[in-house]
Structure formats: C-alpha cells, structure tokens
C-alpha atoms as a PDB file:
ATOM      1  CA  UNK A   1       0.000   0.000   0.000  1.00  0.00           C
ATOM      2  CA  UNK A   2       1.384   3.431  -0.988  1.00  0.00           C
ATOM      3  CA  UNK A   3       1.650   5.833   1.932  1.00  0.00           C
ATOM      4  CA  UNK A   4       0.509   9.416   1.564  1.00  0.00           C
ATOM      5  CA  UNK A   5       4.115  10.673   1.482  1.00  0.00           C
ATOM      6  CA  UNK A   6       4.995   8.300  -1.399  1.00  0.00           C
ATOM      7  CA  UNK A   7       1.857   8.942  -3.463  1.00  0.00           C
ATOM      8  CA  UNK A   8       2.716   9.843  -7.096  1.00  0.00           C
ATOM      9  CA  UNK A   9       2.710  13.603  -7.689  1.00  0.00           C
ATOM     10  CA  UNK A  10       3.440  15.344 -10.989  1.00  0.00           C
ATOM     11  CA  UNK A  11       2.042  18.849 -11.302  1.00  0.00           C
ATOM     12  CA  UNK A  12       2.314  21.796 -13.665  1.00  0.00           C
ATOM     13  CA  UNK A  13       3.576  23.869 -10.743  1.00  0.00           C
ATOM     14  CA  UNK A  14       6.356  21.310 -10.226  1.00  0.00           C
ATOM     15  CA  UNK A  15       7.369  21.510 -13.883  1.00  0.00           C
ATOM     16  CA  UNK A  16       7.562  25.296 -13.663  1.00  0.00           C
ATOM     17  CA  UNK A  17       9.509  25.085 -10.404  1.00  0.00           C
ATOM     18  CA  UNK A  18      11.963  22.725 -12.093  1.00  0.00           C
ATOM     19  CA  UNK A  19      12.404  25.195 -14.938  1.00  0.00           C
ATOM     20  CA  UNK A  20      13.050  27.949 -12.385  1.00  0.00           C
ATOM     21  CA  UNK A  21      15.582  25.880 -10.435  1.00  0.00           C
ATOM     22  CA  UNK A  22      17.462  25.100 -13.643  1.00  0.00           C
ATOM     23  CA  UNK A  23      18.181  28.803 -14.301  1.00  0.00           C
ATOM     24  CA  UNK A  24      21.703  28.870 -12.737  1.00  0.00           C
ATOM     25  CA  UNK A  25      22.709  25.892 -14.886  1.00  0.00           C
ATOM     26  CA  UNK A  26      21.490  27.228 -18.207  1.00  0.00           C
ATOM     27  CA  UNK A  27      24.473  29.437 -19.203  1.00  0.00           C
ATOM     28  CA  UNK A  28      26.783  26.422 -18.951  1.00  0.00           C
ATOM     29  CA  UNK A  29      24.354  24.270 -20.951  1.00  0.00           C
ATOM     30  CA  UNK A  30      24.127  26.927 -23.665  1.00  0.00           C
ATOM     31  CA  UNK A  31      27.911  27.247 -23.993  1.00  0.00           C
ATOM     32  CA  UNK A  32      28.368  23.468 -23.965  1.00  0.00           C
ATOM     33  CA  UNK A  33      25.658  22.986 -26.616  1.00  0.00           C
ATOM     34  CA  UNK A  34      27.283  25.603 -28.848  1.00  0.00           C
ATOM     35  CA  UNK A  35      30.617  23.843 -28.399  1.00  0.00           C
ATOM     36  CA  UNK A  36      29.098  20.498 -29.363  1.00  0.00           C
ATOM     37  CA  UNK A  37      27.492  22.005 -32.456  1.00  0.00           C
ATOM     38  CA  UNK A  38      30.821  23.504 -33.503  1.00  0.00           C
ATOM     39  CA  UNK A  39      32.600  20.183 -32.912  1.00  0.00           C
ATOM     40  CA  UNK A  40      29.951  18.328 -34.948  1.00  0.00           C
ATOM     41  CA  UNK A  41      30.480  20.703 -37.863  1.00  0.00           C
ATOM     42  CA  UNK A  42      34.233  20.174 -37.584  1.00  0.00           C
ATOM     43  CA  UNK A  43      33.732  16.397 -37.818  1.00  0.00           C
ATOM     44  CA  UNK A  44      31.722  16.713 -40.999  1.00  0.00           C
ATOM     45  CA  UNK A  45      28.238  15.975 -39.658  1.00  0.00           C
ATOM     46  CA  UNK A  46      25.343  17.690 -41.392  1.00  0.00           C
ATOM     47  CA  UNK A  47      23.166  20.158 -39.512  1.00  0.00           C
ATOM     48  CA  UNK A  48      20.352  17.597 -39.453  1.00  0.00           C
ATOM     49  CA  UNK A  49      22.661  14.874 -38.094  1.00  0.00           C
ATOM     50  CA  UNK A  50      23.981  17.151 -35.342  1.00  0.00           C
ATOM     51  CA  UNK A  51      20.457  18.188 -34.322  1.00  0.00           C
ATOM     52  CA  UNK A  52      19.230  14.586 -34.416  1.00  0.00           C
ATOM     53  CA  UNK A  53      22.133  13.473 -32.227  1.00  0.00           C
ATOM     54  CA  UNK A  54      21.369  16.169 -29.660  1.00  0.00           C
ATOM     55  CA  UNK A  55      17.656  15.360 -29.679  1.00  0.00           C
ATOM     56  CA  UNK A  56      17.898  11.571 -29.427  1.00  0.00           C
ATOM     57  CA  UNK A  57      21.148  11.013 -27.527  1.00  0.00           C
ATOM     58  CA  UNK A  58      21.001  14.013 -25.167  1.00  0.00           C
ATOM     59  CA  UNK A  59      24.217  13.124 -23.358  1.00  0.00           C
ATOM     60  CA  UNK A  60      26.681  15.968 -23.699  1.00  0.00           C
ATOM     61  CA  UNK A  61      29.815  14.230 -22.461  1.00  0.00           C
ATOM     62  CA  UNK A  62      29.065  11.037 -24.410  1.00  0.00           C
ATOM     63  CA  UNK A  63      28.355  13.045 -27.556  1.00  0.00           C
ATOM     64  CA  UNK A  64      31.664  14.885 -27.269  1.00  0.00           C
ATOM     65  CA  UNK A  65      33.562  11.656 -26.636  1.00  0.00           C
ATOM     66  CA  UNK A  66      31.884  10.069 -29.655  1.00  0.00           C
ATOM     67  CA  UNK A  67      32.945  13.012 -31.820  1.00  0.00           C
ATOM     68  CA  UNK A  68      36.514  12.744 -30.549  1.00  0.00           C
ATOM     69  CA  UNK A  69      36.569   9.110 -31.681  1.00  0.00           C
ATOM     70  CA  UNK A  70      34.563   9.754 -34.872  1.00  0.00           C
ATOM     71  CA  UNK A  71      36.153   7.673 -37.661  1.00  0.00           C
ATOM     72  CA  UNK A  72      36.622   8.383 -41.327  1.00  0.00           C
ATOM     73  CA  UNK A  73      35.657   4.813 -42.205  1.00  0.00           C
ATOM     74  CA  UNK A  74      32.972   2.892 -40.306  1.00  0.00           C
ATOM     75  CA  UNK A  75      33.144  -0.782 -39.372  1.00  0.00           C
ATOM     76  CA  UNK A  76      31.473  -3.033 -36.805  1.00  0.00           C
ATOM     77  CA  UNK A  77      34.624  -2.853 -34.701  1.00  0.00           C
ATOM     78  CA  UNK A  78      34.499   0.953 -34.669  1.00  0.00           C
ATOM     79  CA  UNK A  79      30.815   0.900 -33.770  1.00  0.00           C
ATOM     80  CA  UNK A  80      31.562  -1.501 -30.920  1.00  0.00           C
ATOM     81  CA  UNK A  81      34.365   0.717 -29.628  1.00  0.00           C
ATOM     82  CA  UNK A  82      32.119   3.778 -29.652  1.00  0.00           C
ATOM     83  CA  UNK A  83      29.402   1.819 -27.849  1.00  0.00           C
ATOM     84  CA  UNK A  84      31.829   0.783 -25.100  1.00  0.00           C
ATOM     85  CA  UNK A  85      33.174   4.325 -24.727  1.00  0.00           C
ATOM     86  CA  UNK A  86      29.751   5.910 -24.407  1.00  0.00           C
ATOM     87  CA  UNK A  87      28.556   3.153 -22.072  1.00  0.00           C
ATOM     88  CA  UNK A  88      31.506   3.754 -19.741  1.00  0.00           C
ATOM     89  CA  UNK A  89      31.012   7.530 -19.836  1.00  0.00           C
ATOM     90  CA  UNK A  90      27.316   7.142 -19.002  1.00  0.00           C
ATOM     91  CA  UNK A  91      27.678   4.316 -16.476  1.00  0.00           C
ATOM     92  CA  UNK A  92      27.282   6.839 -13.654  1.00  0.00           C
ATOM     93  CA  UNK A  93      23.637   7.202 -14.697  1.00  0.00           C
ATOM     94  CA  UNK A  94      22.960   3.676 -13.422  1.00  0.00           C
ATOM     95  CA  UNK A  95      23.846   4.718  -9.875  1.00  0.00           C
ATOM     96  CA  UNK A  96      22.075   8.048 -10.220  1.00  0.00           C
ATOM     97  CA  UNK A  97      18.904   6.324 -11.364  1.00  0.00           C
ATOM     98  CA  UNK A  98      19.137   3.801  -8.533  1.00  0.00           C
ATOM     99  CA  UNK A  99      19.478   6.609  -5.981  1.00  0.00           C
ATOM    100  CA  UNK A 100      16.143   8.013  -7.223  1.00  0.00           C
ATOM    101  CA  UNK A 101      14.299   4.722  -6.622  1.00  0.00           C
ATOM    102  CA  UNK A 102      12.632   5.794  -3.341  1.00  0.00           C
ATOM    103  CA  UNK A 103      11.133   8.743  -5.199  1.00  0.00           C
ATOM    104  CA  UNK A 104      10.173   6.932  -8.414  1.00  0.00           C
ATOM    105  CA  UNK A 105       8.976   3.562  -7.114  1.00  0.00           C
ATOM    106  CA  UNK A 106       5.331   4.631  -6.831  1.00  0.00           C
ATOM    107  CA  UNK A 107       5.197   5.656 -10.493  1.00  0.00           C
ATOM    108  CA  UNK A 108       4.666   3.242 -13.385  1.00  0.00           C
ATOM    109  CA  UNK A 109       7.653   1.651 -15.138  1.00  0.00           C
ATOM    110  CA  UNK A 110       6.644   3.031 -18.518  1.00  0.00           C
ATOM    111  CA  UNK A 111       6.299   6.554 -17.169  1.00  0.00           C
ATOM    112  CA  UNK A 112       9.670   6.344 -15.409  1.00  0.00           C
ATOM    113  CA  UNK A 113      11.359   4.992 -18.536  1.00  0.00           C
ATOM    114  CA  UNK A 114       9.988   7.933 -20.536  1.00  0.00           C
ATOM    115  CA  UNK A 115      10.968  10.781 -18.220  1.00  0.00           C
ATOM    116  CA  UNK A 116      14.349   9.279 -17.259  1.00  0.00           C
ATOM    117  CA  UNK A 117      15.416   9.917 -20.846  1.00  0.00           C
ATOM    118  CA  UNK A 118      15.805  13.527 -19.678  1.00  0.00           C
ATOM    119  CA  UNK A 119      17.934  12.600 -16.646  1.00  0.00           C
ATOM    120  CA  UNK A 120      21.266  14.417 -16.532  1.00  0.00           C
ATOM    121  CA  UNK A 121      23.847  15.145 -13.844  1.00  0.00           C
ATOM    122  CA  UNK A 122      22.276  18.560 -13.343  1.00  0.00           C
ATOM    123  CA  UNK A 123      18.634  17.595 -12.827  1.00  0.00           C
ATOM    124  CA  UNK A 124      19.694  14.576 -10.761  1.00  0.00           C
ATOM    125  CA  UNK A 125      21.564  16.952  -8.447  1.00  0.00           C
ATOM    126  CA  UNK A 126      18.698  19.476  -8.280  1.00  0.00           C
ATOM    127  CA  UNK A 127      16.076  16.734  -7.892  1.00  0.00           C
ATOM    128  CA  UNK A 128      18.033  14.900  -5.201  1.00  0.00           C
ATOM    129  CA  UNK A 129      18.383  18.061  -3.127  1.00  0.00           C
ATOM    130  CA  UNK A 130      14.696  18.853  -3.579  1.00  0.00           C
ATOM    131  CA  UNK A 131      13.637  15.333  -2.529  1.00  0.00           C
ATOM    132  CA  UNK A 132      16.030  15.309   0.435  1.00  0.00           C
ATOM    133  CA  UNK A 133      14.391  18.518   1.601  1.00  0.00           C
ATOM    134  CA  UNK A 134      10.977  16.831   1.679  1.00  0.00           C
ATOM    135  CA  UNK A 135       9.763  17.654  -1.843  1.00  0.00           C
ATOM    136  CA  UNK A 136       7.722  14.968  -3.608  1.00  0.00           C
ATOM    137  CA  UNK A 137       6.549  16.557  -6.865  1.00  0.00           C
ATOM    138  CA  UNK A 138       8.299  14.631  -9.648  1.00  0.00           C
ATOM    139  CA  UNK A 139       7.497  17.528 -11.965  1.00  0.00           C
ATOM    140  CA  UNK A 140      10.527  19.329 -10.513  1.00  0.00           C
ATOM    141  CA  UNK A 141      12.925  16.634 -11.732  1.00  0.00           C
ATOM    142  CA  UNK A 142      11.206  16.461 -15.128  1.00  0.00           C
ATOM    143  CA  UNK A 143      11.008  20.251 -15.442  1.00  0.00           C
ATOM    144  CA  UNK A 144      14.758  20.676 -15.052  1.00  0.00           C
ATOM    145  CA  UNK A 145      15.486  17.924 -17.573  1.00  0.00           C
ATOM    146  CA  UNK A 146      12.992  19.191 -20.164  1.00  0.00           C
ATOM    147  CA  UNK A 147      14.235  22.780 -19.907  1.00  0.00           C
ATOM    148  CA  UNK A 148      17.828  21.711 -20.392  1.00  0.00           C
ATOM    149  CA  UNK A 149      16.904  19.392 -23.286  1.00  0.00           C
ATOM    150  CA  UNK A 150      15.148  22.217 -25.156  1.00  0.00           C
ATOM    151  CA  UNK A 151      18.141  24.533 -24.713  1.00  0.00           C
ATOM    152  CA  UNK A 152      20.621  21.783 -25.565  1.00  0.00           C
ATOM    153  CA  UNK A 153      18.842  21.147 -28.852  1.00  0.00           C
ATOM    154  CA  UNK A 154      18.198  24.820 -29.644  1.00  0.00           C
ATOM    155  CA  UNK A 155      21.801  25.965 -29.142  1.00  0.00           C
ATOM    156  CA  UNK A 156      23.319  23.022 -30.989  1.00  0.00           C
ATOM    157  CA  UNK A 157      22.144  24.758 -34.170  1.00  0.00           C
ATOM    158  CA  UNK A 158      23.950  28.128 -33.787  1.00  0.00           C
ATOM    159  CA  UNK A 159      26.967  26.188 -32.532  1.00  0.00           C
ATOM    160  CA  UNK A 160      26.965  24.181 -35.751  1.00  0.00           C
ATOM    161  CA  UNK A 161      26.788  27.342 -37.852  1.00  0.00           C
ATOM    162  CA  UNK A 162      29.623  28.860 -35.797  1.00  0.00           C
ATOM    163  CA  UNK A 163      31.728  25.737 -36.261  1.00  0.00           C
ATOM    164  CA  UNK A 164      31.159  25.829 -39.993  1.00  0.00           C
ATOM    165  CA  UNK A 165      32.631  29.355 -40.045  1.00  0.00           C
ATOM    166  CA  UNK A 166      35.508  28.765 -37.598  1.00  0.00           C
ATOM    167  CA  UNK A 167      38.209  26.608 -39.149  1.00  0.00           C
ATOM    168  CA  UNK A 168      40.218  26.205 -35.930  1.00  0.00           C
ATOM    169  CA  UNK A 169      38.100  26.121 -32.716  1.00  0.00           C
ATOM    170  CA  UNK A 170      41.282  26.008 -30.583  1.00  0.00           C
ATOM    171  CA  UNK A 171      42.055  29.544 -31.700  1.00  0.00           C
ATOM    172  CA  UNK A 172      39.046  30.716 -29.674  1.00  0.00           C
ATOM    173  CA  UNK A 173      39.626  28.237 -26.803  1.00  0.00           C
ATOM    174  CA  UNK A 174      36.396  26.390 -27.631  1.00  0.00           C
ATOM    175  CA  UNK A 175      38.196  23.124 -26.930  1.00  0.00           C
ATOM    176  CA  UNK A 176      38.487  24.194 -23.261  1.00  0.00           C
ATOM    177  CA  UNK A 177      34.761  24.659 -22.687  1.00  0.00           C
ATOM    178  CA  UNK A 178      34.021  20.988 -22.006  1.00  0.00           C
ATOM    179  CA  UNK A 179      36.684  20.381 -19.310  1.00  0.00           C
ATOM    180  CA  UNK A 180      35.936  23.728 -17.639  1.00  0.00           C
ATOM    181  CA  UNK A 181      32.190  23.002 -17.645  1.00  0.00           C
ATOM    182  CA  UNK A 182      32.598  19.599 -16.041  1.00  0.00           C
ATOM    183  CA  UNK A 183      35.113  20.867 -13.500  1.00  0.00           C
ATOM    184  CA  UNK A 184      32.519  23.438 -12.430  1.00  0.00           C
ATOM    185  CA  UNK A 185      29.843  20.724 -12.254  1.00  0.00           C
ATOM    186  CA  UNK A 186      31.997  18.781  -9.776  1.00  0.00           C
ATOM    187  CA  UNK A 187      32.057  21.604  -7.225  1.00  0.00           C
ATOM    188  CA  UNK A 188      28.561  20.954  -5.739  1.00  0.00           C
ATOM    189  CA  UNK A 189      29.485  17.272  -5.363  1.00  0.00           C
ATOM    190  CA  UNK A 190      32.445  18.009  -3.052  1.00  0.00           C
ATOM    191  CA  UNK A 191      32.216  15.884   0.099  1.00  0.00           C
ATOM    192  CA  UNK A 192      35.663  16.390   1.604  1.00  0.00           C
ATOM    193  CA  UNK A 193      39.192  15.219   0.827  1.00  0.00           C
ATOM    194  CA  UNK A 194      38.508  11.508   1.387  1.00  0.00           C
ATOM    195  CA  UNK A 195      35.660  11.445  -1.118  1.00  0.00           C
ATOM    196  CA  UNK A 196      37.924  13.150  -3.672  1.00  0.00           C
ATOM    197  CA  UNK A 197      40.411  10.246  -3.682  1.00  0.00           C
ATOM    198  CA  UNK A 198      38.609   8.282  -6.472  1.00  0.00           C
ATOM    199  CA  UNK A 199      38.447  11.431  -8.605  1.00  0.00           C
ATOM    200  CA  UNK A 200      42.163  12.041  -8.185  1.00  0.00           C
ATOM    201  CA  UNK A 201      43.065   8.412  -8.944  1.00  0.00           C
ATOM    202  CA  UNK A 202      40.820   8.325 -12.014  1.00  0.00           C
ATOM    203  CA  UNK A 203      42.308  11.561 -13.344  1.00  0.00           C
ATOM    204  CA  UNK A 204      45.903  10.461 -12.755  1.00  0.00           C
ATOM    205  CA  UNK A 205      45.392   7.069 -14.393  1.00  0.00           C
ATOM    206  CA  UNK A 206      43.554   8.580 -17.367  1.00  0.00           C
ATOM    207  CA  UNK A 207      46.362  11.096 -17.889  1.00  0.00           C
ATOM    208  CA  UNK A 208      49.036   8.386 -17.693  1.00  0.00           C
ATOM    209  CA  UNK A 209      47.220   6.031 -20.066  1.00  0.00           C
ATOM    210  CA  UNK A 210      46.610   8.862 -22.548  1.00  0.00           C
ATOM    211  CA  UNK A 211      50.381   9.375 -22.732  1.00  0.00           C
ATOM    212  CA  UNK A 212      51.217   5.679 -23.065  1.00  0.00           C
ATOM    213  CA  UNK A 213      48.466   4.250 -25.268  1.00  0.00           C
ATOM    214  CA  UNK A 214      46.785   5.512 -28.438  1.00  0.00           C
ATOM    215  CA  UNK A 215      43.076   6.056 -28.876  1.00  0.00           C
ATOM    216  CA  UNK A 216      40.550   6.619 -26.127  1.00  0.00           C
ATOM    217  CA  UNK A 217      41.429   3.792 -23.756  1.00  0.00           C
ATOM    218  CA  UNK A 218      42.299   6.433 -21.150  1.00  0.00           C
ATOM    219  CA  UNK A 219      38.580   7.104 -20.647  1.00  0.00           C
ATOM    220  CA  UNK A 220      37.823   3.475 -19.814  1.00  0.00           C
ATOM    221  CA  UNK A 221      40.975   3.118 -17.692  1.00  0.00           C
ATOM    222  CA  UNK A 222      40.218   6.255 -15.684  1.00  0.00           C
ATOM    223  CA  UNK A 223      36.580   5.344 -15.110  1.00  0.00           C
ATOM    224  CA  UNK A 224      37.326   1.771 -14.029  1.00  0.00           C
ATOM    225  CA  UNK A 225      40.158   2.688 -11.665  1.00  0.00           C
ATOM    226  CA  UNK A 226      38.068   5.469 -10.145  1.00  0.00           C
ATOM    227  CA  UNK A 227      35.174   3.084  -9.477  1.00  0.00           C
ATOM    228  CA  UNK A 228      37.544   0.411  -8.121  1.00  0.00           C
ATOM    229  CA  UNK A 229      39.198   2.929  -5.797  1.00  0.00           C
ATOM    230  CA  UNK A 230      35.815   4.050  -4.475  1.00  0.00           C
ATOM    231  CA  UNK A 231      34.790   0.435  -3.865  1.00  0.00           C
ATOM    232  CA  UNK A 232      38.006  -0.366  -1.978  1.00  0.00           C
ATOM    233  CA  UNK A 233      37.953   2.672   0.303  1.00  0.00           C
ATOM    234  CA  UNK A 234      37.121   1.616   3.888  1.00  0.00           C
ATOM    235  CA  UNK A 235      33.642   2.487   5.135  1.00  0.00           C
ATOM    236  CA  UNK A 236      34.478   2.696   8.826  1.00  0.00           C
ATOM    237  CA  UNK A 237      35.855   6.247   8.713  1.00  0.00           C
ATOM    238  CA  UNK A 238      33.320   8.995   8.189  1.00  0.00           C
ATOM    239  CA  UNK A 239      34.060  11.251   5.244  1.00  0.00           C
ATOM    240  CA  UNK A 240      35.658  14.561   6.128  1.00  0.00           C
ATOM    241  CA  UNK A 241      33.446  17.594   5.770  1.00  0.00           C
ATOM    242  CA  UNK A 242      34.381  20.413   3.525  1.00  0.00           C
ATOM    243  CA  UNK A 243      35.834  23.387   5.408  1.00  0.00           C
END
C-alpha cells in the first residue's frame, strides 16, 4: 500500500519550479551545446545529423567523446568501440537512477522509462536536493530535464553554424569549454578530501594512459580505476566535511 508521502505527484507547478531551479545551470548548458554544435560541424556531420544526435542522444559528455573518436571509415569494430566508450562515460547514470528509486517507485515503469530519458547530472543533483528537503513533486525533476533538453537542442544549431565558419576552434579556446564546464559541475558534489580520492586516482590514471596508449582507452581506464578505488575505500571512517 502506498503511503501518503509516497503517493505519485506530478504537477504543472512542479514543472515550472523545475524550470526555475534550472536557471543557474542554463548558461553552462548553452555554452556546452554551442561547443558540441561547432565540434559536430568540424567532424563533418550535417546540420540535421547534429540536431538529431542532440535530440535523441542528449548526453553531452558522451556526444563529445563520440565526436573525438569519430572515424573516417565505419566498421562493426568501430561501432563496438564507440558503444563501449559511451557506455563507460554514461555508467554513472545507473547509480544516479538507482538513488532516485525511493522517489520513483510509486510511479509506473513506462512513465519512469519515458521521463528518465531527460535525466542528466544537473537535474539529478537538483532533484536529489529537492527530494532530500521533503519535496515529492516529480514535476521538478522532469522540469529541469525538459528545460535543459530544449536549450541543448536549440543551441546546438547556432553552434553548428559557428563551427562551420571557424576553421580552428582552438584559436578561440572552444576546446576548453568541455573540461571547464565539467570541473565546475563537480564543485557541488564536493564531500571532503577523502571522497575526492577516487576522482584524483581516475584523473591520474587517465592522464598516464593517454600518454602511453593511443586512442581513447584512457577514458575506460580512468573510469574503471576510479570506481575500483571508491569500492576499496574503507567504510568505517566517516568522510571529512568540507571546510
């Protein structure tokens, strides 16, 4: 039996509140979307292909990684490599989705499958804070995701046109937007020095592998070692709090 506190709630007011709460994140999304559009143009994708990728994939980091590994000639091996890369990059979404289970369990599976398409790091963070504070309107989580999806798609297009005009994006430091954006996204997740150990290990291993091995194996190596480090850290000591 569903208790009153767990009863499914999705309201128009919640959707609007989600859109409002997403406001501080939108400048970064806009810049990142423009950067992706420019990168897609540089890789030879058509405007329609870039827009379709943003609309149906909607995974900024995975899309950028896929473009970095975009081949001149396609084969089943290349497709498999891209699938593994994007799966590793997005593997964090499995844990994020699982953490939302107490909130989503009273909704239907089909409904959850539909709205979780719009799940990103940003609306997971906003939604988790909202739920932890006692909020139960799922419209907040959906509202953030929908707002960001619309902007992501809309600003892919001017980014593509910009990329078609700019022959060398590095000249304007557009290649730095992605790492700066994700570094900023990590700040709200800070939980003290102990919790930062897996991040540091993953970054160090990825950097080392990128220098030693060709291709994009550094992404897989960094992700796996980071997860392994987190799993091996002892649980008996409480994480340090940020100063």
